[in-house]
Amino acid sequence: MAVGVFDLFSIGIGPSSSHTVGPMRAAAVFAEELRASGDLERVAGLRVDLYGSLAATGHGHGTMTAILLGLEGFHPEKILPAEVEERLAAIAESGKLQLAGSVQLPYGVKDMVLRPLTVLPRHTNGMTFTVSDGAGEVLHAATFFSVGGGFIVREGGEDAAQQELEESRKELPLPFRTAAELLGRCQSKGLSIGEIMFVNERASRSEEEIRAGLLHIYAVMEECVAVSLKREGLLPGGLKVRRRAPDWHERLLKETRDHDPEYRDPKYWQEWVNLIALAVNEENASGGRVVTAPTNGAAGIIPAVLYYALHFAPGMDRATQADRDDVVVKFLLAAAAVGVLYKEQASISGAEVGCQGEVGSASSMAAAGLAEVMGGTPAQVENAAEIAMEHNLGLTCDPIGGLVQIPCIERNAIAAAKAINAAKMALWGDGTHRVSLDEVIVTMRETGKDMSSKYKETAMGGLAVNVVEC
């Protein structure tokens, strides 16, 4: 399938799309294959090998527990936080998991084999699942790679997957792989960037389904913020990072005590943007339910910038609910169109290209969405996306303790502000600019290749080794 808006914006659990969502999804696929093979009842042994970044930072990212849930048959987009807690507690207490939901095996986190210094050729986030019978004979084995944003690729299936992608792209009414192609489509059809994406989405869904799906995505973003604002205390993991969002929210509400509860004083726009980004990423860090946008580590940027669009963009104080819904749909479609460019030409995996691929791509997507809903031309929208990524180039991924907390949470707030500024700068221009978005995307990809592996989610460099954890 060609990459679509609901691939880039999917619902899952924190703290990481590549280290939590992807591995859970891969394990669930393996469990389904095992059930379909007819060999499930013969299984007596299970082995899970984790390679590279998954092994190096898996404990901090919840990789092992996510895999246990996937092996039981749970999918990240369907499991609820309460189910996560219930099943993990049961596995920890009994020392057994229910493989594919039916076969009980003595297996837990400590039984997984970690190979942090071994990187498989396809991607640093590799994992192999193997099951055997009572005599030790292998019944079924598969290797998967979590390539960012919750996307997974199977070893040996890369060529077939790429061929399928190429074929599905041909079936789209207005296919594009580069920003130049996207702008060409806009010019020839007289459509905006978001409208091009909408036309392509209609190849597989009705207009009503697309609209309802995108509004549901934003509703989950809002719910994530609401849940986070009710939590207090320290984030899990041992770094003793204090949740700030609840206190910040209370302070901001005091500023509106003489106004309607829905009133947002324009002079505090950045404080509100910071709040939304922090709230989402604090919830993500605690393993809560978030929207991968396009990754979990960067999940707070698009909700924060979309919040700005809905509350602080010109004319929104007079907007009806229908108007606000239109803004959500338009914003997410334009952002997704830019996200497609990053998936097609580079990567959104921090373990592959550093945090520039996660926070950078999310900031770029958010800038495009904001420029679109604020009336930007396709050229201005492309310029906004380019500015945002250009000033995230070289961003490393070296979270302390392998936890998606420092610097990840604050980094989302900073990148959201960058996205807003990028959109405003682009809208004050006429769309012409020296560096194209395509050139910046290729530069990001090449920078990621040149970046030392120490700075790509391995906990071997940067803040991860230069800051004492306790």
Protein backbone atom coordinates (compact mmCIF):
# COMPACT_ATOMS: atom_id res chain seq x y z
CA MET A 1 0.00 0.00 0.00
CA ALA A 2 1.14 3.55 -0.71
CA VAL A 3 1.75 5.53 2.47
CA GLY A 4 -1.47 7.28 3.50
CA VAL A 5 -2.66 9.70 6.14
CA PHE A 6 -3.82 6.90 8.46
CA ASP A 7 -0.41 5.25 8.25
CA LEU A 8 1.33 8.42 9.36
CA PHE A 9 -1.27 9.13 12.06
CA SER A 10 -2.04 5.90 13.91
CA ILE A 11 -3.19 5.25 17.46
CA GLY A 12 -0.90 3.32 19.77
CA ILE A 13 0.77 3.32 23.18
CA GLY A 14 3.93 5.02 24.35
CA PRO A 15 6.73 5.58 24.72
CA SER A 16 8.17 4.86 21.25
CA SER A 17 6.78 4.09 17.82
CA SER A 18 9.94 2.33 16.64
CA HIS A 19 10.77 0.60 19.94
CA THR A 20 7.28 -0.05 21.34
CA VAL A 21 4.60 0.15 18.63
CA GLY A 22 6.62 -1.51 15.85
CA PRO A 23 7.88 -4.43 17.95
CA MET A 24 4.40 -5.07 19.35
CA ARG A 25 2.99 -5.04 15.83
CA ALA A 26 5.71 -7.42 14.58
CA ALA A 27 5.14 -9.82 17.47
CA ALA A 28 1.38 -9.78 16.84
CA VAL A 29 1.93 -10.54 13.14
CA PHE A 30 4.21 -13.44 14.10
CA ALA A 31 1.57 -14.78 16.52
CA GLU A 32 -1.10 -14.59 13.81
CA GLU A 33 1.13 -16.40 11.32
CA LEU A 34 1.80 -19.11 13.87
CA ARG A 35 -1.89 -19.58 14.52
CA ALA A 36 -2.64 -19.73 10.78
CA SER A 37 0.13 -22.32 10.23
CA GLY A 38 -1.61 -24.91 12.39
CA ASP A 39 1.54 -25.45 14.47
CA LEU A 40 0.50 -23.35 17.45
CA GLU A 41 -0.52 -26.30 19.64
CA ARG A 42 2.86 -27.98 19.04
CA VAL A 43 4.87 -25.05 20.37
CA ALA A 44 6.99 -25.90 23.42
CA GLY A 45 9.72 -23.25 23.20
CA LEU A 46 10.02 -19.57 22.27
CA ARG A 47 13.08 -17.45 21.54
CA VAL A 48 13.20 -13.70 20.87
CA ASP A 49 16.45 -12.05 19.74
CA LEU A 50 16.72 -8.25 19.73
CA TYR A 51 19.45 -6.48 17.78
CA GLY A 52 21.10 -3.06 17.64
CA SER A 53 19.12 -0.16 19.00
CA LEU A 54 16.21 -2.33 20.14
CA ALA A 55 18.58 -4.22 22.41
CA ALA A 56 20.60 -1.17 23.50
CA THR A 57 17.67 0.98 24.62
CA GLY A 58 14.83 -1.51 24.72
CA HIS A 59 14.36 -1.48 28.49
CA GLY A 60 13.85 2.29 28.61
CA HIS A 61 11.51 2.21 25.62
CA GLY A 62 9.33 -0.66 26.82
CA THR A 63 10.36 -2.88 23.89
CA MET A 64 10.38 -6.15 25.79
CA THR A 65 7.00 -5.70 27.45
CA ALA A 66 5.51 -4.53 24.13
CA ILE A 67 6.73 -7.72 22.48
CA LEU A 68 5.17 -9.85 25.21
CA LEU A 69 1.81 -8.16 24.56
CA GLY A 70 2.18 -8.62 20.81
CA LEU A 71 2.99 -12.30 21.21
CA GLU A 72 -0.25 -12.64 23.15
CA GLY A 73 -2.05 -11.25 20.09
CA PHE A 74 -2.55 -7.60 21.06
CA HIS A 75 -2.16 -4.87 18.44
CA PRO A 76 -0.97 -1.36 19.43
CA GLU A 77 -3.89 0.45 17.81
CA LYS A 78 -6.46 -1.66 19.66
CA ILE A 79 -5.06 -2.32 23.13
CA LEU A 80 -6.12 0.03 25.93
CA PRO A 81 -3.84 1.25 28.75
CA ALA A 82 -5.86 -0.73 31.31
CA GLU A 83 -5.32 -3.93 29.31
CA VAL A 84 -1.59 -3.19 29.12
CA GLU A 85 -1.33 -2.93 32.89
CA GLU A 86 -3.52 -5.99 33.50
CA ARG A 87 -1.67 -8.33 31.13
CA LEU A 88 1.84 -7.22 32.09
CA ALA A 89 1.00 -7.67 35.78
CA ALA A 90 -0.33 -11.17 35.07
CA ILE A 91 2.77 -12.15 33.08
CA ALA A 92 5.10 -10.78 35.76
CA GLU A 93 3.24 -12.59 38.54
CA SER A 94 2.87 -15.97 36.79
CA GLY A 95 6.05 -15.92 34.70
CA LYS A 96 3.98 -17.14 31.76
CA LEU A 97 2.48 -15.60 28.63
CA GLN A 98 -0.42 -16.75 26.48
CA LEU A 99 1.14 -17.19 23.03
CA ALA A 100 -1.37 -16.07 20.39
CA GLY A 101 -3.87 -15.85 23.25
CA SER A 102 -4.08 -19.60 23.82
CA VAL A 103 -0.82 -21.51 24.43
CA GLN A 104 0.72 -20.93 27.84
CA LEU A 105 4.51 -20.68 27.87
CA PRO A 106 6.96 -19.86 30.68
CA TYR A 107 8.47 -16.68 29.22
CA GLY A 108 9.18 -13.13 30.29
CA VAL A 109 11.36 -10.07 29.72
CA LYS A 110 14.46 -11.72 31.22
CA ASP A 111 14.27 -14.56 28.68
CA MET A 112 14.85 -12.33 25.65
CA VAL A 113 18.30 -12.40 24.06
CA LEU A 114 19.84 -8.92 23.66
CA ARG A 115 22.46 -8.25 21.00
CA PRO A 116 23.13 -4.47 21.17
CA LEU A 117 26.41 -4.64 19.24
CA THR A 118 24.98 -6.68 16.38
CA VAL A 119 23.24 -4.66 13.70
CA LEU A 120 21.46 -6.57 10.95
CA PRO A 121 22.01 -5.25 7.39
CA ARG A 122 18.50 -3.92 6.78
CA HIS A 123 18.03 -1.69 9.85
CA THR A 124 19.36 -1.23 13.37
CA ASN A 125 15.94 -2.10 14.87
CA GLY A 126 15.93 -5.83 14.12
CA MET A 127 14.16 -8.66 15.94
CA THR A 128 13.86 -12.40 15.34
CA PHE A 129 11.09 -14.66 16.65
CA THR A 130 11.58 -18.43 16.77
CA VAL A 131 9.32 -21.18 18.12
CA SER A 132 10.18 -24.86 18.44
CA ASP A 133 8.45 -28.10 19.43
CA GLY A 134 9.24 -30.41 22.36
CA ALA A 135 12.14 -32.01 20.47
CA GLY A 136 13.72 -28.62 19.73
CA GLU A 137 12.72 -28.65 16.07
CA VAL A 138 12.05 -25.15 14.71
CA LEU A 139 8.39 -24.77 13.75
CA HIS A 140 8.36 -21.17 12.63
CA ALA A 141 10.83 -18.26 12.57
CA ALA A 142 10.73 -14.72 11.23
CA THR A 143 12.84 -11.57 11.37
CA PHE A 144 11.27 -8.11 11.35
CA PHE A 145 12.61 -4.57 11.34
CA SER A 146 10.90 -1.62 13.01
CA VAL A 147 11.72 1.20 10.60
CA GLY A 148 10.10 4.15 12.40
CA GLY A 149 6.60 5.46 13.01
CA GLY A 150 5.35 1.99 13.90
CA PHE A 151 6.04 0.72 10.36
CA ILE A 152 7.53 -2.79 10.15
CA VAL A 153 9.32 -4.64 7.34
CA ARG A 154 9.90 -8.38 7.17
CA GLU A 155 13.31 -9.76 6.27
CA GLY A 156 13.28 -11.18 2.78
CA GLY A 157 10.13 -9.25 1.99
CA GLU A 158 11.75 -5.90 1.21
CA ASP A 159 11.73 -6.34 -2.56
CA ALA A 160 8.14 -7.57 -2.57
CA ALA A 161 7.09 -4.75 -0.26
CA GLN A 162 8.78 -2.15 -2.46
CA GLN A 163 7.16 -3.61 -5.56
CA GLU A 164 3.77 -3.54 -3.86
CA LEU A 165 4.39 0.08 -2.87
CA GLU A 166 5.27 1.03 -6.45
CA GLU A 167 2.17 -0.72 -7.80
CA SER A 168 -0.15 0.89 -5.25
CA ARG A 169 1.34 4.29 -6.01
CA LYS A 170 0.48 3.81 -9.69
CA GLU A 171 -3.14 3.22 -8.68
CA LEU A 172 -3.40 6.61 -6.96
CA PRO A 173 -5.14 9.34 -8.94
CA LEU A 174 -2.39 11.88 -8.23
CA PRO A 175 0.76 10.00 -7.12
CA PHE A 176 3.84 11.89 -5.92
CA ARG A 177 7.15 10.98 -4.38
CA THR A 178 8.91 14.33 -4.24
CA ALA A 179 7.88 17.86 -3.32
CA ALA A 180 8.53 18.91 -6.91
CA GLU A 181 6.03 16.31 -8.13
CA LEU A 182 3.55 17.37 -5.45
CA LEU A 183 3.79 21.04 -6.44
CA GLY A 184 3.42 20.03 -10.07
CA ARG A 185 0.19 18.21 -9.24
CA CYS A 186 -1.09 21.26 -7.38
CA GLN A 187 -0.35 23.53 -10.33
CA SER A 188 -1.81 21.27 -13.00
CA LYS A 189 -5.00 20.50 -11.06
CA GLY A 190 -5.47 23.85 -9.33
CA LEU A 191 -5.59 22.13 -5.93
CA SER A 192 -3.92 22.75 -2.57
CA ILE A 193 -1.44 20.29 -1.07
CA GLY A 194 -4.07 18.99 1.35
CA GLU A 195 -6.57 18.55 -1.49
CA ILE A 196 -4.08 16.46 -3.46
CA MET A 197 -3.72 14.19 -0.45
CA PHE A 198 -7.49 14.04 -0.07
CA VAL A 199 -7.96 12.97 -3.69
CA ASN A 200 -5.48 10.13 -3.19
CA GLU A 201 -7.11 9.03 0.05
CA ARG A 202 -10.44 8.75 -1.78
CA ALA A 203 -8.96 5.90 -3.80
CA SER A 204 -9.40 3.64 -0.76
CA ARG A 205 -11.98 5.41 1.44
CA SER A 206 -15.12 7.50 1.07
CA GLU A 207 -15.04 11.21 1.84
CA GLU A 208 -17.13 10.57 4.94
CA GLU A 209 -14.73 7.88 6.19
CA ILE A 210 -11.70 10.11 5.65
CA ARG A 211 -13.26 13.03 7.46
CA ALA A 212 -14.57 10.93 10.33
CA GLY A 213 -11.22 9.14 10.66
CA LEU A 214 -9.24 12.37 10.85
CA LEU A 215 -11.62 13.89 13.39
CA HIS A 216 -11.26 10.71 15.45
CA ILE A 217 -7.47 11.06 15.28
CA TYR A 218 -7.73 14.58 16.68
CA ALA A 219 -10.21 13.45 19.33
CA VAL A 220 -7.62 10.92 20.56
CA MET A 221 -5.02 13.71 20.62
CA GLU A 222 -7.37 15.80 22.75
CA GLU A 223 -8.12 12.85 25.03
CA CYS A 224 -4.39 12.25 25.45
CA VAL A 225 -3.93 15.84 26.64
CA ALA A 226 -6.95 15.63 28.97
CA VAL A 227 -5.70 12.43 30.60
CA SER A 228 -2.20 13.82 30.98
CA LEU A 229 -3.43 16.98 32.70
CA LYS A 230 -5.03 14.85 35.42
CA ARG A 231 -1.82 13.01 36.25
CA GLU A 232 0.69 14.35 38.74
CA GLY A 233 3.95 13.23 40.29
CA LEU A 234 6.98 11.68 38.62
CA LEU A 235 7.27 9.93 35.29
CA PRO A 236 8.19 6.22 35.46
CA GLY A 237 11.69 5.00 34.73
CA GLY A 238 13.88 6.23 37.56
CA LEU A 239 15.02 9.62 36.22
CA LYS A 240 12.62 11.33 38.64
CA VAL A 241 11.32 13.66 35.93
CA ARG A 242 8.41 15.63 37.34
CA ARG A 243 5.24 16.09 35.31
CA ARG A 244 4.87 19.79 34.58
CA ALA A 245 1.74 19.92 32.43
CA PRO A 246 -0.87 19.84 35.26
CA ASP A 247 0.74 22.78 37.10
CA TRP A 248 1.24 24.75 33.92
CA HIS A 249 -2.39 24.18 32.96
CA GLU A 250 -3.65 25.41 36.32
CA ARG A 251 -1.49 28.51 36.03
CA LEU A 252 -2.76 29.28 32.52
CA LEU A 253 -6.38 28.84 33.58
CA LYS A 254 -5.87 31.46 36.30
CA GLU A 255 -5.05 33.91 33.54
CA THR A 256 -8.58 33.42 32.12
CA ARG A 257 -10.50 33.71 35.39
CA ASP A 258 -12.19 36.93 34.21
CA HIS A 259 -13.10 35.45 30.85
CA ASP A 260 -15.08 32.61 29.34
CA PRO A 261 -13.47 29.22 30.18
CA GLU A 262 -12.76 28.71 26.49
CA TYR A 263 -11.04 32.07 26.14
CA ARG A 264 -7.37 31.97 25.19
CA ASP A 265 -5.43 35.18 25.70
CA PRO A 266 -3.31 35.69 22.54
CA LYS A 267 -0.34 36.88 24.57
CA TYR A 268 -0.04 33.38 26.06
CA TRP A 269 -0.12 31.49 22.76
CA GLN A 270 3.36 30.04 23.22
CA GLU A 271 2.63 28.91 26.77
CA TRP A 272 -0.43 27.02 25.50
CA VAL A 273 1.59 25.46 22.67
CA ASN A 274 4.28 24.41 25.16
CA LEU A 275 1.61 22.97 27.45
CA ILE A 276 0.00 20.79 24.78
CA ALA A 277 3.36 19.45 23.59
CA LEU A 278 4.48 18.67 27.14
CA ALA A 279 1.16 17.05 28.06
CA VAL A 280 1.20 14.71 25.07
CA ASN A 281 4.80 13.68 25.55
CA GLU A 282 4.47 13.21 29.30
CA GLU A 283 1.59 10.85 28.57
CA ASN A 284 3.68 9.10 25.93
CA ALA A 285 6.59 8.74 28.37
CA SER A 286 4.27 7.01 30.84
CA GLY A 287 3.15 4.47 28.23
CA GLY A 288 -0.24 6.10 27.67
CA ARG A 289 -2.40 6.16 24.54
CA VAL A 290 -1.14 8.60 21.93
CA VAL A 291 -1.32 9.30 18.21
CA THR A 292 1.86 8.42 16.37
CA ALA A 293 2.46 11.67 14.47
CA PRO A 294 4.52 10.48 12.65
CA THR A 295 6.39 8.88 15.60
CA ASN A 296 5.73 8.61 19.32
CA GLY A 297 8.88 10.48 20.30
CA ALA A 298 7.58 13.45 18.28
CA ALA A 299 3.90 12.91 19.07
CA GLY A 300 3.35 16.28 20.77
CA ILE A 301 4.38 18.60 17.93
CA ILE A 302 1.44 18.26 15.54
CA PRO A 303 -1.23 18.37 18.32
CA ALA A 304 0.42 21.50 19.74
CA VAL A 305 0.58 23.32 16.41
CA LEU A 306 -2.93 22.22 15.50
CA TYR A 307 -4.07 23.60 18.88
CA TYR A 308 -2.47 26.91 17.87
CA ALA A 309 -4.35 26.81 14.56
CA LEU A 310 -7.68 26.20 16.30
CA HIS A 311 -7.27 28.80 19.04
CA PHE A 312 -4.90 31.52 17.86
CA ALA A 313 -5.01 31.68 14.07
CA PRO A 314 -6.79 34.76 12.67
CA GLY A 315 -10.58 34.41 12.60
CA MET A 316 -10.77 31.30 14.80
CA ASP A 317 -12.42 33.27 17.62
CA ARG A 318 -15.50 33.49 15.38
CA ALA A 319 -15.31 29.92 14.04
CA THR A 320 -18.20 27.48 14.29
CA GLN A 321 -17.66 23.82 15.19
CA ALA A 322 -17.99 22.95 11.50
CA ASP A 323 -15.26 25.49 10.73
CA ARG A 324 -13.02 23.96 13.38
CA ASP A 325 -13.59 20.47 12.01
CA ASP A 326 -12.62 21.72 8.55
CA VAL A 327 -9.38 23.12 9.98
CA VAL A 328 -8.52 19.77 11.59
CA VAL A 329 -9.12 17.84 8.38
CA LYS A 330 -7.29 20.35 6.19
CA PHE A 331 -4.33 20.58 8.58
CA LEU A 332 -3.82 16.82 8.93
CA LEU A 333 -4.11 16.18 5.19
CA ALA A 334 -1.47 18.78 4.33
CA ALA A 335 0.81 17.56 7.13
CA ALA A 336 0.44 13.99 5.92
CA ALA A 337 1.35 14.94 2.35
CA VAL A 338 4.67 16.26 3.64
CA GLY A 339 5.06 13.16 5.82
CA VAL A 340 4.80 11.02 2.69
CA LEU A 341 7.83 12.85 1.28
CA TYR A 342 9.94 11.93 4.32
CA LYS A 343 8.84 8.28 4.20
CA GLU A 344 9.51 8.08 0.46
CA GLN A 345 12.86 9.87 0.30
CA ALA A 346 14.44 9.54 3.74
CA SER A 347 13.37 8.13 7.13
CA ILE A 348 11.38 9.01 10.23
CA SER A 349 13.37 6.63 12.44
CA GLY A 350 15.56 8.11 15.16
CA ALA A 351 17.59 4.91 15.24
CA GLU A 352 18.35 5.32 11.53
CA VAL A 353 18.88 9.08 11.02
CA GLY A 354 18.77 10.61 14.50
CA CYS A 355 16.09 12.82 15.99
CA GLN A 356 16.07 15.02 12.89
CA GLY A 357 14.03 12.21 11.33
CA GLU A 358 11.47 12.26 14.15
CA VAL A 359 11.18 15.74 15.63
CA GLY A 360 12.44 17.33 12.40
CA SER A 361 9.90 15.62 10.17
CA ALA A 362 7.06 16.29 12.64
CA SER A 363 8.00 19.98 12.83
CA SER A 364 8.10 20.15 9.05
CA MET A 365 4.72 18.44 8.73
CA ALA A 366 3.19 20.73 11.36
CA ALA A 367 4.53 23.85 9.62
CA ALA A 368 2.96 22.70 6.37
CA GLY A 369 -0.38 22.01 8.05
CA LEU A 370 -0.44 25.42 9.71
CA ALA A 371 0.54 27.27 6.53
CA GLU A 372 -2.22 25.41 4.66
CA VAL A 373 -5.02 26.33 7.07
CA MET A 374 -3.80 29.93 7.26
CA GLY A 375 -4.37 30.30 3.53
CA GLY A 376 -0.91 29.58 2.16
CA THR A 377 -0.35 28.73 -1.48
CA PRO A 378 1.21 25.33 -2.28
CA ALA A 379 4.57 27.06 -2.73
CA GLN A 380 4.26 28.76 0.66
CA VAL A 381 3.26 25.48 2.33
CA GLU A 382 6.28 23.75 0.80
CA ASN A 383 8.47 26.64 1.96
CA ALA A 384 7.13 26.34 5.52
CA ALA A 385 7.96 22.64 5.58
CA GLU A 386 11.44 23.36 4.22
CA ILE A 387 12.23 26.06 6.79
CA ALA A 388 11.18 23.84 9.70
CA MET A 389 13.34 20.90 8.62
CA GLU A 390 16.30 23.04 7.59
CA HIS A 391 16.59 24.20 11.19
CA ASN A 392 16.34 20.72 12.65
CA LEU A 393 19.13 19.24 10.52
CA GLY A 394 21.71 17.28 12.49
CA LEU A 395 19.49 16.75 15.55
CA THR A 396 20.79 13.75 17.48
CA CYS A 397 18.86 11.08 19.36
CA ASP A 398 20.55 10.37 22.68
CA PRO A 399 17.88 10.20 25.41
CA ILE A 400 19.14 9.78 28.96
CA GLY A 401 18.65 6.27 30.28
CA GLY A 402 17.10 5.23 26.97
CA LEU A 403 13.86 6.83 28.22
CA VAL A 404 11.75 9.05 25.98
CA GLN A 405 11.91 11.89 28.51
CA ILE A 406 15.10 14.00 28.40
CA PRO A 407 15.48 15.81 26.03
CA CYS A 408 12.50 14.39 24.14
CA ILE A 409 9.62 16.05 26.03
CA GLU A 410 10.95 19.61 25.90
CA ARG A 411 12.23 19.06 22.37
CA ASN A 412 8.64 18.64 21.19
CA ALA A 413 7.68 22.04 22.60
CA ILE A 414 10.68 23.74 21.00
CA ALA A 415 9.99 22.09 17.63
CA ALA A 416 6.31 23.12 17.77
CA ALA A 417 7.34 26.75 18.18
CA LYS A 418 9.78 26.33 15.28
CA ALA A 419 6.96 25.00 13.11
CA ILE A 420 4.74 28.00 13.90
CA ASN A 421 7.55 30.42 13.15
CA ALA A 422 8.40 28.59 9.92
CA ALA A 423 4.79 28.86 8.75
CA LYS A 424 4.65 32.56 9.59
CA MET A 425 7.93 33.24 7.78
CA ALA A 426 6.72 31.36 4.70
CA LEU A 427 3.40 33.21 4.68
CA TRP A 428 5.19 36.56 4.68
CA GLY A 429 6.98 35.48 1.50
CA ASP A 430 5.63 34.71 -1.95
CA GLY A 431 6.66 31.05 -1.97
CA THR A 432 9.93 31.51 -3.84
CA HIS A 433 13.04 30.43 -1.95
CA ARG A 434 16.60 29.27 -2.63
CA VAL A 435 16.58 25.81 -1.01
CA SER A 436 13.85 23.34 -1.94
CA LEU A 437 12.14 20.93 0.44
CA ASP A 438 13.45 18.01 -1.62
CA GLU A 439 17.03 19.24 -1.17
CA VAL A 440 16.54 19.50 2.57
CA ILE A 441 15.00 16.02 2.80
CA VAL A 442 17.93 14.49 0.89
CA THR A 443 20.33 16.44 3.13
CA MET A 444 18.60 15.06 6.22
CA ARG A 445 18.95 11.53 4.85
CA GLU A 446 22.64 11.98 4.04
CA THR A 447 23.31 13.66 7.39
CA GLY A 448 21.72 10.66 9.09
CA LYS A 449 24.00 8.29 7.19
CA ASP A 450 27.07 10.29 8.24
CA MET A 451 25.97 10.66 11.86
CA SER A 452 27.87 8.51 14.34
CA SER A 453 25.84 5.56 15.59
CA LYS A 454 26.46 6.91 19.12
CA TYR A 455 23.88 9.59 18.42
CA LYS A 456 21.17 7.37 16.95
CA GLU A 457 19.20 5.93 19.86
CA THR A 458 21.93 3.68 21.22
CA ALA A 459 22.49 5.38 24.62
CA MET A 460 26.22 5.41 23.77
CA GLY A 461 26.79 9.15 23.27
CA GLY A 462 25.65 12.69 23.96
CA LEU A 463 23.35 13.35 26.90
CA ALA A 464 22.92 9.61 27.43
CA VAL A 465 26.52 9.32 28.69
CA ASN A 466 27.33 12.87 29.81
CA VAL A 467 24.49 13.29 32.31
CA VAL A 468 24.41 11.30 35.52
CA GLU A 469 21.09 9.46 35.74
CA CYS A 470 20.65 9.68 39.50
